[in-house]
Amino acid sequence: MEISIQPEIFAVWPQAQLGLVFVDQANNQADLSAWHDEQMAMENYVRQLFPTAEAVGQHPHIQAWRRAYRAFGCDPHKYRCSSEALARQVLKGNAIWGINPLVDCYNYISLKYTVPVGGEDCAHIQGAVVLKRAHGTEPFVRLGGSENEPPEVGEVVYADAAGVLCRRWNWREADRTKLTADTTTAVLVIEAIPPMTTEQLQAATAELADLVTKWCQAKTHYQILSSTQPTASSSAA
């Protein structure tokens, strides 16, 4: 499977990067009870980092994503990037753990680095995946939904041959490629724009790969995509 960033993305966000973790032979039903204390410690870290909900929006990484959303015509107060939405869920006291081990791993990294992270089940991806500006006709059914909700023209989306995998860059995942207990092969994606640095992205991506290897007993390898290397393959070692 191939994943690429289209030139039209770099035309507006020249320093955009993706950290990709390719996952194979994962046990997405693994027992994570031994990780519970670290997960709770991460929640406490988030509450200390953001003493109020308003403080979330002041974080430099969140500010950058709000600007990015405005740049493709999206109201960031109505549609929040995934890292902002997750942090706010923690502050509300809502449960964020236990969806499945792969999601737990990427949520942990999202909270630790205040960065958007998502994942797709490779078994349900059709053809190559591209990060691009939408034409507005691509089909999309949101996670848990049943109706087609195509993107706006110019919206930043991930798409494959069958439609959109994630709308508004990292706002909402598609139901078709969601990670489930039966997922064994996946790609996890960390998204970085300045002020997040390449070094921070590399550290977050390596740590995510290590977590998945440890808790899901999976085989992993990772790659960083940027304007100088806009394409990656799951077959690369």
C-alpha atoms as a PDB file:
ATOM      1  CA  MET A   1       0.000   0.000   0.000  1.00  0.00           C
ATOM      2  CA  GLU A   2       1.215   3.482  -0.894  1.00  0.00           C
ATOM      3  CA  ILE A   3       0.558   6.748   0.970  1.00  0.00           C
ATOM      4  CA  SER A   4       1.430  10.146  -0.442  1.00  0.00           C
ATOM      5  CA  ILE A   5       0.994  13.862   0.143  1.00  0.00           C
ATOM      6  CA  GLN A   6      -0.129  15.771  -2.940  1.00  0.00           C
ATOM      7  CA  PRO A   7       1.813  18.904  -4.048  1.00  0.00           C
ATOM      8  CA  GLU A   8      -1.282  21.059  -3.469  1.00  0.00           C
ATOM      9  CA  ILE A   9      -0.876  20.482   0.274  1.00  0.00           C
ATOM     10  CA  PHE A  10       2.713  21.729   0.285  1.00  0.00           C
ATOM     11  CA  ALA A  11       1.648  24.779  -1.751  1.00  0.00           C
ATOM     12  CA  VAL A  12      -0.196  26.044   1.336  1.00  0.00           C
ATOM     13  CA  TRP A  13       1.594  24.179   4.142  1.00  0.00           C
ATOM     14  CA  PRO A  14       5.176  23.713   2.862  1.00  0.00           C
ATOM     15  CA  GLN A  15       6.443  22.255   6.145  1.00  0.00           C
ATOM     16  CA  ALA A  16       3.621  19.757   6.671  1.00  0.00           C
ATOM     17  CA  GLN A  17       4.837  16.282   7.636  1.00  0.00           C
ATOM     18  CA  LEU A  18       3.346  12.887   8.423  1.00  0.00           C
ATOM     19  CA  GLY A  19       4.745  10.233  10.722  1.00  0.00           C
ATOM     20  CA  LEU A  20       3.506   6.864   9.476  1.00  0.00           C
ATOM     21  CA  VAL A  21       3.583   3.663  11.527  1.00  0.00           C
ATOM     22  CA  PHE A  22       2.833   0.582   9.443  1.00  0.00           C
ATOM     23  CA  VAL A  23       1.481  -2.230  11.618  1.00  0.00           C
ATOM     24  CA  ASP A  24       1.303  -5.933  10.793  1.00  0.00           C
ATOM     25  CA  GLN A  25       0.200  -9.018  12.753  1.00  0.00           C
ATOM     26  CA  ALA A  26      -1.296  -6.917  15.552  1.00  0.00           C
ATOM     27  CA  ASN A  27      -3.288  -8.406  18.406  1.00  0.00           C
ATOM     28  CA  ASN A  28      -5.930  -5.723  18.753  1.00  0.00           C
ATOM     29  CA  GLN A  29      -7.648  -7.631  21.533  1.00  0.00           C
ATOM     30  CA  ALA A  30      -4.625  -7.624  23.834  1.00  0.00           C
ATOM     31  CA  ASP A  31      -4.965  -7.122  27.596  1.00  0.00           C
ATOM     32  CA  LEU A  32      -3.750  -3.613  28.471  1.00  0.00           C
ATOM     33  CA  SER A  33      -4.545  -3.719  32.197  1.00  0.00           C
ATOM     34  CA  ALA A  34      -0.833  -3.480  33.040  1.00  0.00           C
ATOM     35  CA  TRP A  35      -0.761  -0.118  31.231  1.00  0.00           C
ATOM     36  CA  HIS A  36      -3.610   1.411  33.249  1.00  0.00           C
ATOM     37  CA  ASP A  37      -1.479   3.424  35.682  1.00  0.00           C
ATOM     38  CA  GLU A  38       0.494   5.040  32.853  1.00  0.00           C
ATOM     39  CA  GLN A  39      -2.710   5.919  31.044  1.00  0.00           C
ATOM     40  CA  MET A  40      -4.093   7.594  34.163  1.00  0.00           C
ATOM     41  CA  ALA A  41      -0.801   9.424  34.637  1.00  0.00           C
ATOM     42  CA  MET A  42      -1.111  10.762  31.096  1.00  0.00           C
ATOM     43  CA  GLU A  43      -4.606  12.052  31.870  1.00  0.00           C
ATOM     44  CA  ASN A  44      -3.225  13.819  34.944  1.00  0.00           C
ATOM     45  CA  TYR A  45      -0.471  15.346  32.823  1.00  0.00           C
ATOM     46  CA  VAL A  46      -3.087  16.744  30.446  1.00  0.00           C
ATOM     47  CA  ARG A  47      -5.093  18.232  33.311  1.00  0.00           C
ATOM     48  CA  GLN A  48      -1.964  19.936  34.622  1.00  0.00           C
ATOM     49  CA  LEU A  49      -1.015  21.166  31.145  1.00  0.00           C
ATOM     50  CA  PHE A  50      -4.518  22.515  30.555  1.00  0.00           C
ATOM     51  CA  PRO A  51      -6.078  23.733  33.821  1.00  0.00           C
ATOM     52  CA  THR A  52      -9.098  25.028  31.853  1.00  0.00           C
ATOM     53  CA  ALA A  53     -10.770  24.169  28.552  1.00  0.00           C
ATOM     54  CA  GLU A  54      -9.801  27.617  27.270  1.00  0.00           C
ATOM     55  CA  ALA A  55      -6.141  26.787  27.883  1.00  0.00           C
ATOM     56  CA  VAL A  56      -6.300  23.980  25.308  1.00  0.00           C
ATOM     57  CA  GLY A  57      -6.874  26.476  22.533  1.00  0.00           C
ATOM     58  CA  GLN A  58      -3.838  28.507  23.578  1.00  0.00           C
ATOM     59  CA  HIS A  59      -1.340  25.687  23.069  1.00  0.00           C
ATOM     60  CA  PRO A  60       0.978  26.539  20.140  1.00  0.00           C
ATOM     61  CA  HIS A  61       0.235  23.251  18.372  1.00  0.00           C
ATOM     62  CA  ILE A  62      -3.524  23.776  18.660  1.00  0.00           C
ATOM     63  CA  GLN A  63      -3.197  27.379  17.510  1.00  0.00           C
ATOM     64  CA  ALA A  64      -1.342  26.143  14.423  1.00  0.00           C
ATOM     65  CA  TRP A  65      -4.074  23.644  13.580  1.00  0.00           C
ATOM     66  CA  ARG A  66      -6.756  26.276  14.047  1.00  0.00           C
ATOM     67  CA  ARG A  67      -4.950  28.451  11.498  1.00  0.00           C
ATOM     68  CA  ALA A  68      -4.657  25.477   9.138  1.00  0.00           C
ATOM     69  CA  TYR A  69      -8.380  24.770   9.386  1.00  0.00           C
ATOM     70  CA  ARG A  70      -9.198  28.401   8.595  1.00  0.00           C
ATOM     71  CA  ALA A  71      -6.887  28.233   5.575  1.00  0.00           C
ATOM     72  CA  PHE A  72      -9.101  25.610   3.932  1.00  0.00           C
ATOM     73  CA  GLY A  73     -12.335  27.342   4.913  1.00  0.00           C
ATOM     74  CA  CYS A  74     -13.220  25.461   8.101  1.00  0.00           C
ATOM     75  CA  ASP A  75     -14.315  27.045  11.386  1.00  0.00           C
ATOM     76  CA  PRO A  76     -11.942  25.509  14.004  1.00  0.00           C
ATOM     77  CA  HIS A  77     -14.369  26.295  16.812  1.00  0.00           C
ATOM     78  CA  LYS A  78     -17.096  24.255  15.137  1.00  0.00           C
ATOM     79  CA  TYR A  79     -14.790  21.511  13.861  1.00  0.00           C
ATOM     80  CA  ARG A  80     -11.872  20.827  16.208  1.00  0.00           C
ATOM     81  CA  CYS A  81      -8.695  19.025  15.208  1.00  0.00           C
ATOM     82  CA  SER A  82      -8.456  15.576  16.779  1.00  0.00           C
ATOM     83  CA  SER A  83      -5.781  16.497  19.335  1.00  0.00           C
ATOM     84  CA  GLU A  84      -7.831  19.409  20.664  1.00  0.00           C
ATOM     85  CA  ALA A  85     -10.991  17.296  20.795  1.00  0.00           C
ATOM     86  CA  LEU A  86      -9.199  14.511  22.679  1.00  0.00           C
ATOM     87  CA  ALA A  87      -7.686  16.842  25.273  1.00  0.00           C
ATOM     88  CA  ARG A  88     -11.097  18.393  25.873  1.00  0.00           C
ATOM     89  CA  GLN A  89     -12.588  14.927  26.409  1.00  0.00           C
ATOM     90  CA  VAL A  90     -10.024  14.303  29.156  1.00  0.00           C
ATOM     91  CA  LEU A  91     -10.872  17.616  30.831  1.00  0.00           C
ATOM     92  CA  LYS A  92     -14.565  16.696  30.753  1.00  0.00           C
ATOM     93  CA  GLY A  93     -13.787  13.416  32.506  1.00  0.00           C
ATOM     94  CA  ASN A  94     -14.986  11.304  29.595  1.00  0.00           C
ATOM     95  CA  ALA A  95     -13.527   7.845  29.044  1.00  0.00           C
ATOM     96  CA  ILE A  96     -10.980   7.739  26.234  1.00  0.00           C
ATOM     97  CA  TRP A  97      -9.321   4.362  26.845  1.00  0.00           C
ATOM     98  CA  GLY A  98     -10.484   0.856  25.991  1.00  0.00           C
ATOM     99  CA  ILE A  99     -11.783   1.318  22.455  1.00  0.00           C
ATOM    100  CA  ASN A 100      -9.079  -1.102  21.340  1.00  0.00           C
ATOM    101  CA  PRO A 101      -5.301  -1.353  21.903  1.00  0.00           C
ATOM    102  CA  LEU A 102      -4.255   0.380  18.680  1.00  0.00           C
ATOM    103  CA  VAL A 103      -6.495   3.358  19.450  1.00  0.00           C
ATOM    104  CA  ASP A 104      -5.229   3.438  23.043  1.00  0.00           C
ATOM    105  CA  CYS A 105      -1.649   3.584  21.755  1.00  0.00           C
ATOM    106  CA  TYR A 106      -2.274   6.468  19.401  1.00  0.00           C
ATOM    107  CA  ASN A 107      -4.423   8.385  21.897  1.00  0.00           C
ATOM    108  CA  TYR A 108      -1.556   8.171  24.389  1.00  0.00           C
ATOM    109  CA  ILE A 109       0.821   9.720  21.861  1.00  0.00           C
ATOM    110  CA  SER A 110      -1.715  12.363  20.881  1.00  0.00           C
ATOM    111  CA  LEU A 111      -2.051  13.481  24.499  1.00  0.00           C
ATOM    112  CA  LYS A 112       1.675  13.342  25.249  1.00  0.00           C
ATOM    113  CA  TYR A 113       2.738  15.439  22.261  1.00  0.00           C
ATOM    114  CA  THR A 114      -0.477  17.472  21.712  1.00  0.00           C
ATOM    115  CA  VAL A 115      -0.583  16.270  18.141  1.00  0.00           C
ATOM    116  CA  PRO A 116      -3.298  14.763  15.898  1.00  0.00           C
ATOM    117  CA  VAL A 117      -3.003  10.993  15.463  1.00  0.00           C
ATOM    118  CA  GLY A 118      -5.325   8.579  13.668  1.00  0.00           C
ATOM    119  CA  GLY A 119      -5.376   5.129  12.164  1.00  0.00           C
ATOM    120  CA  GLU A 120      -6.876   3.057   9.371  1.00  0.00           C
ATOM    121  CA  ASP A 121      -7.450  -0.670   8.891  1.00  0.00           C
ATOM    122  CA  CYS A 122      -5.416  -1.559   5.806  1.00  0.00           C
ATOM    123  CA  ALA A 123      -7.686  -4.504   5.003  1.00  0.00           C
ATOM    124  CA  HIS A 124     -10.423  -2.045   4.032  1.00  0.00           C
ATOM    125  CA  ILE A 125      -8.318   0.469   2.123  1.00  0.00           C
ATOM    126  CA  GLN A 126      -8.725   0.333  -1.656  1.00  0.00           C
ATOM    127  CA  GLY A 127      -5.659   1.322  -3.661  1.00  0.00           C
ATOM    128  CA  ALA A 128      -3.314   4.135  -2.729  1.00  0.00           C
ATOM    129  CA  VAL A 129      -4.032   6.716  -0.032  1.00  0.00           C
ATOM    130  CA  VAL A 130      -3.489  10.411  -0.712  1.00  0.00           C
ATOM    131  CA  LEU A 131      -3.627  13.525   1.451  1.00  0.00           C
ATOM    132  CA  LYS A 132      -5.161  16.088  -0.895  1.00  0.00           C
ATOM    133  CA  ARG A 133      -7.648  18.906  -1.422  1.00  0.00           C
ATOM    134  CA  ALA A 134     -11.117  17.463  -2.034  1.00  0.00           C
ATOM    135  CA  HIS A 135     -13.086  17.824  -5.259  1.00  0.00           C
ATOM    136  CA  GLY A 136     -16.285  17.751  -3.203  1.00  0.00           C
ATOM    137  CA  THR A 137     -17.785  14.658  -4.823  1.00  0.00           C
ATOM    138  CA  GLU A 138     -15.870  11.941  -2.948  1.00  0.00           C
ATOM    139  CA  PRO A 139     -18.120   9.695  -0.838  1.00  0.00           C
ATOM    140  CA  PHE A 140     -17.702   9.708   2.937  1.00  0.00           C
ATOM    141  CA  VAL A 141     -19.584   7.942   5.735  1.00  0.00           C
ATOM    142  CA  ARG A 142     -18.404   9.061   9.157  1.00  0.00           C
ATOM    143  CA  LEU A 143     -17.445   6.750  12.000  1.00  0.00           C
ATOM    144  CA  GLY A 144     -20.654   5.248  13.355  1.00  0.00           C
ATOM    145  CA  GLY A 145     -22.725   6.842  10.588  1.00  0.00           C
ATOM    146  CA  SER A 146     -24.699   5.548   7.623  1.00  0.00           C
ATOM    147  CA  GLU A 147     -25.278   8.585   5.391  1.00  0.00           C
ATOM    148  CA  ASN A 148     -22.999   9.964   2.700  1.00  0.00           C
ATOM    149  CA  GLU A 149     -21.455  13.307   3.779  1.00  0.00           C
ATOM    150  CA  PRO A 150     -19.060  14.348   1.009  1.00  0.00           C
ATOM    151  CA  PRO A 151     -16.379  16.942   1.789  1.00  0.00           C
ATOM    152  CA  GLU A 152     -16.434  20.590   0.801  1.00  0.00           C
ATOM    153  CA  VAL A 153     -14.504  21.623  -2.291  1.00  0.00           C
ATOM    154  CA  GLY A 154     -10.915  22.343  -1.251  1.00  0.00           C
ATOM    155  CA  GLU A 155     -11.204  20.616   2.113  1.00  0.00           C
ATOM    156  CA  VAL A 156      -8.085  18.699   3.147  1.00  0.00           C
ATOM    157  CA  VAL A 157      -8.866  14.967   3.211  1.00  0.00           C
ATOM    158  CA  TYR A 158      -7.313  11.540   3.115  1.00  0.00           C
ATOM    159  CA  ALA A 159      -8.790   9.485   0.292  1.00  0.00           C
ATOM    160  CA  ASP A 160      -8.383   6.180  -1.486  1.00  0.00           C
ATOM    161  CA  ALA A 161      -9.990   4.772  -4.629  1.00  0.00           C
ATOM    162  CA  ALA A 162     -13.316   4.254  -2.837  1.00  0.00           C
ATOM    163  CA  GLY A 163     -13.688   7.629  -1.130  1.00  0.00           C
ATOM    164  CA  VAL A 164     -12.622   9.726   1.832  1.00  0.00           C
ATOM    165  CA  LEU A 165     -10.962   8.090   4.845  1.00  0.00           C
ATOM    166  CA  CYS A 166     -10.808  11.203   7.018  1.00  0.00           C
ATOM    167  CA  ARG A 167     -12.381  14.637   6.594  1.00  0.00           C
ATOM    168  CA  ARG A 168     -10.990  18.063   7.487  1.00  0.00           C
ATOM    169  CA  TRP A 169      -7.462  16.640   7.677  1.00  0.00           C
ATOM    170  CA  ASN A 170      -7.941  15.040  11.111  1.00  0.00           C
ATOM    171  CA  TRP A 171     -11.460  15.917  12.233  1.00  0.00           C
ATOM    172  CA  ARG A 172     -13.525  12.789  11.561  1.00  0.00           C
ATOM    173  CA  GLU A 173     -12.613   9.241  10.461  1.00  0.00           C
ATOM    174  CA  ALA A 174     -14.614   7.131   8.015  1.00  0.00           C
ATOM    175  CA  ASP A 175     -16.527   4.121   9.251  1.00  0.00           C
ATOM    176  CA  ARG A 176     -15.239   1.909   6.418  1.00  0.00           C
ATOM    177  CA  THR A 177     -11.617   1.827   7.552  1.00  0.00           C
ATOM    178  CA  LYS A 178     -12.048   2.137  11.332  1.00  0.00           C
ATOM    179  CA  LEU A 179      -9.803   0.115  13.640  1.00  0.00           C
ATOM    180  CA  THR A 180     -11.674  -2.742  15.296  1.00  0.00           C
ATOM    181  CA  ALA A 181     -10.881  -5.688  17.559  1.00  0.00           C
ATOM    182  CA  ASP A 182     -10.355  -7.748  14.390  1.00  0.00           C
ATOM    183  CA  THR A 183      -7.798  -5.376  12.860  1.00  0.00           C
ATOM    184  CA  THR A 184      -4.404  -6.993  12.302  1.00  0.00           C
ATOM    185  CA  THR A 185      -2.868  -4.707   9.662  1.00  0.00           C
ATOM    186  CA  ALA A 186      -3.051  -0.930  10.006  1.00  0.00           C
ATOM    187  CA  VAL A 187      -1.411   2.378   9.286  1.00  0.00           C
ATOM    188  CA  LEU A 188      -1.235   4.957  12.082  1.00  0.00           C
ATOM    189  CA  VAL A 189      -0.678   8.577  11.131  1.00  0.00           C
ATOM    190  CA  ILE A 190       0.797  11.455  13.156  1.00  0.00           C
ATOM    191  CA  GLU A 191       0.334  14.882  11.587  1.00  0.00           C
ATOM    192  CA  ALA A 192       2.763  17.740  12.126  1.00  0.00           C
ATOM    193  CA  ILE A 193       2.834  21.367  11.106  1.00  0.00           C
ATOM    194  CA  PRO A 194       5.056  24.061  12.664  1.00  0.00           C
ATOM    195  CA  PRO A 195       5.807  24.792  15.427  1.00  0.00           C
ATOM    196  CA  MET A 196       6.063  21.005  15.875  1.00  0.00           C
ATOM    197  CA  THR A 197       9.552  20.141  14.708  1.00  0.00           C
ATOM    198  CA  THR A 198      10.857  17.253  12.653  1.00  0.00           C
ATOM    199  CA  GLU A 199      12.711  16.006  15.718  1.00  0.00           C
ATOM    200  CA  GLN A 200       9.516  16.008  17.787  1.00  0.00           C
ATOM    201  CA  LEU A 201       7.647  14.179  15.032  1.00  0.00           C
ATOM    202  CA  GLN A 202      10.386  11.568  14.745  1.00  0.00           C
ATOM    203  CA  ALA A 203      10.338  11.011  18.517  1.00  0.00           C
ATOM    204  CA  ALA A 204       6.548  10.697  18.606  1.00  0.00           C
ATOM    205  CA  THR A 205       6.489   8.317  15.638  1.00  0.00           C
ATOM    206  CA  ALA A 206       9.217   6.086  17.067  1.00  0.00           C
ATOM    207  CA  GLU A 207       7.464   5.995  20.437  1.00  0.00           C
ATOM    208  CA  LEU A 208       4.146   5.091  18.820  1.00  0.00           C
ATOM    209  CA  ALA A 209       5.808   2.228  16.945  1.00  0.00           C
ATOM    210  CA  ASP A 210       7.357   1.000  20.192  1.00  0.00           C
ATOM    211  CA  LEU A 211       4.004   1.123  22.027  1.00  0.00           C
ATOM    212  CA  VAL A 212       2.252  -0.858  19.306  1.00  0.00           C
ATOM    213  CA  THR A 213       5.059  -3.407  19.228  1.00  0.00           C
ATOM    214  CA  LYS A 214       4.866  -3.800  23.006  1.00  0.00           C
ATOM    215  CA  TRP A 215       1.128  -3.781  23.664  1.00  0.00           C
ATOM    216  CA  CYS A 216      -0.201  -5.295  20.424  1.00  0.00           C
ATOM    217  CA  GLN A 217       2.679  -7.745  19.856  1.00  0.00           C
ATOM    218  CA  ALA A 218       2.857  -6.347  16.334  1.00  0.00           C
ATOM    219  CA  LYS A 219       5.509  -5.972  13.702  1.00  0.00           C
ATOM    220  CA  THR A 220       6.027  -2.294  12.886  1.00  0.00           C
ATOM    221  CA  HIS A 221       8.104   0.043  10.818  1.00  0.00           C
ATOM    222  CA  TYR A 222       7.773   3.775  10.410  1.00  0.00           C
ATOM    223  CA  GLN A 223       8.528   6.513   7.900  1.00  0.00           C
ATOM    224  CA  ILE A 224       8.343  10.299   7.843  1.00  0.00           C
ATOM    225  CA  LEU A 225       6.722  12.039   4.868  1.00  0.00           C
ATOM    226  CA  SER A 226       7.613  15.615   3.915  1.00  0.00           C
ATOM    227  CA  SER A 227       7.978  17.805   0.843  1.00  0.00           C
ATOM    228  CA  THR A 228      11.313  16.111   0.107  1.00  0.00           C
ATOM    229  CA  GLN A 229       9.879  12.606   0.519  1.00  0.00           C
ATOM    230  CA  PRO A 230       6.132  12.797  -0.134  1.00  0.00           C
ATOM    231  CA  THR A 231       5.473   9.083  -0.695  1.00  0.00           C
ATOM    232  CA  ALA A 232       5.824   5.971   1.477  1.00  0.00           C
ATOM    233  CA  SER A 233       5.009   2.301   1.074  1.00  0.00           C
ATOM    234  CA  SER A 234       3.903  -0.257   3.652  1.00  0.00           C
ATOM    235  CA  SER A 235       6.326  -2.727   2.059  1.00  0.00           C
ATOM    236  CA  ALA A 236       9.376  -0.592   2.882  1.00  0.00           C
ATOM    237  CA  ALA A 237      11.465  -1.981   5.720  1.00  0.00           C
END
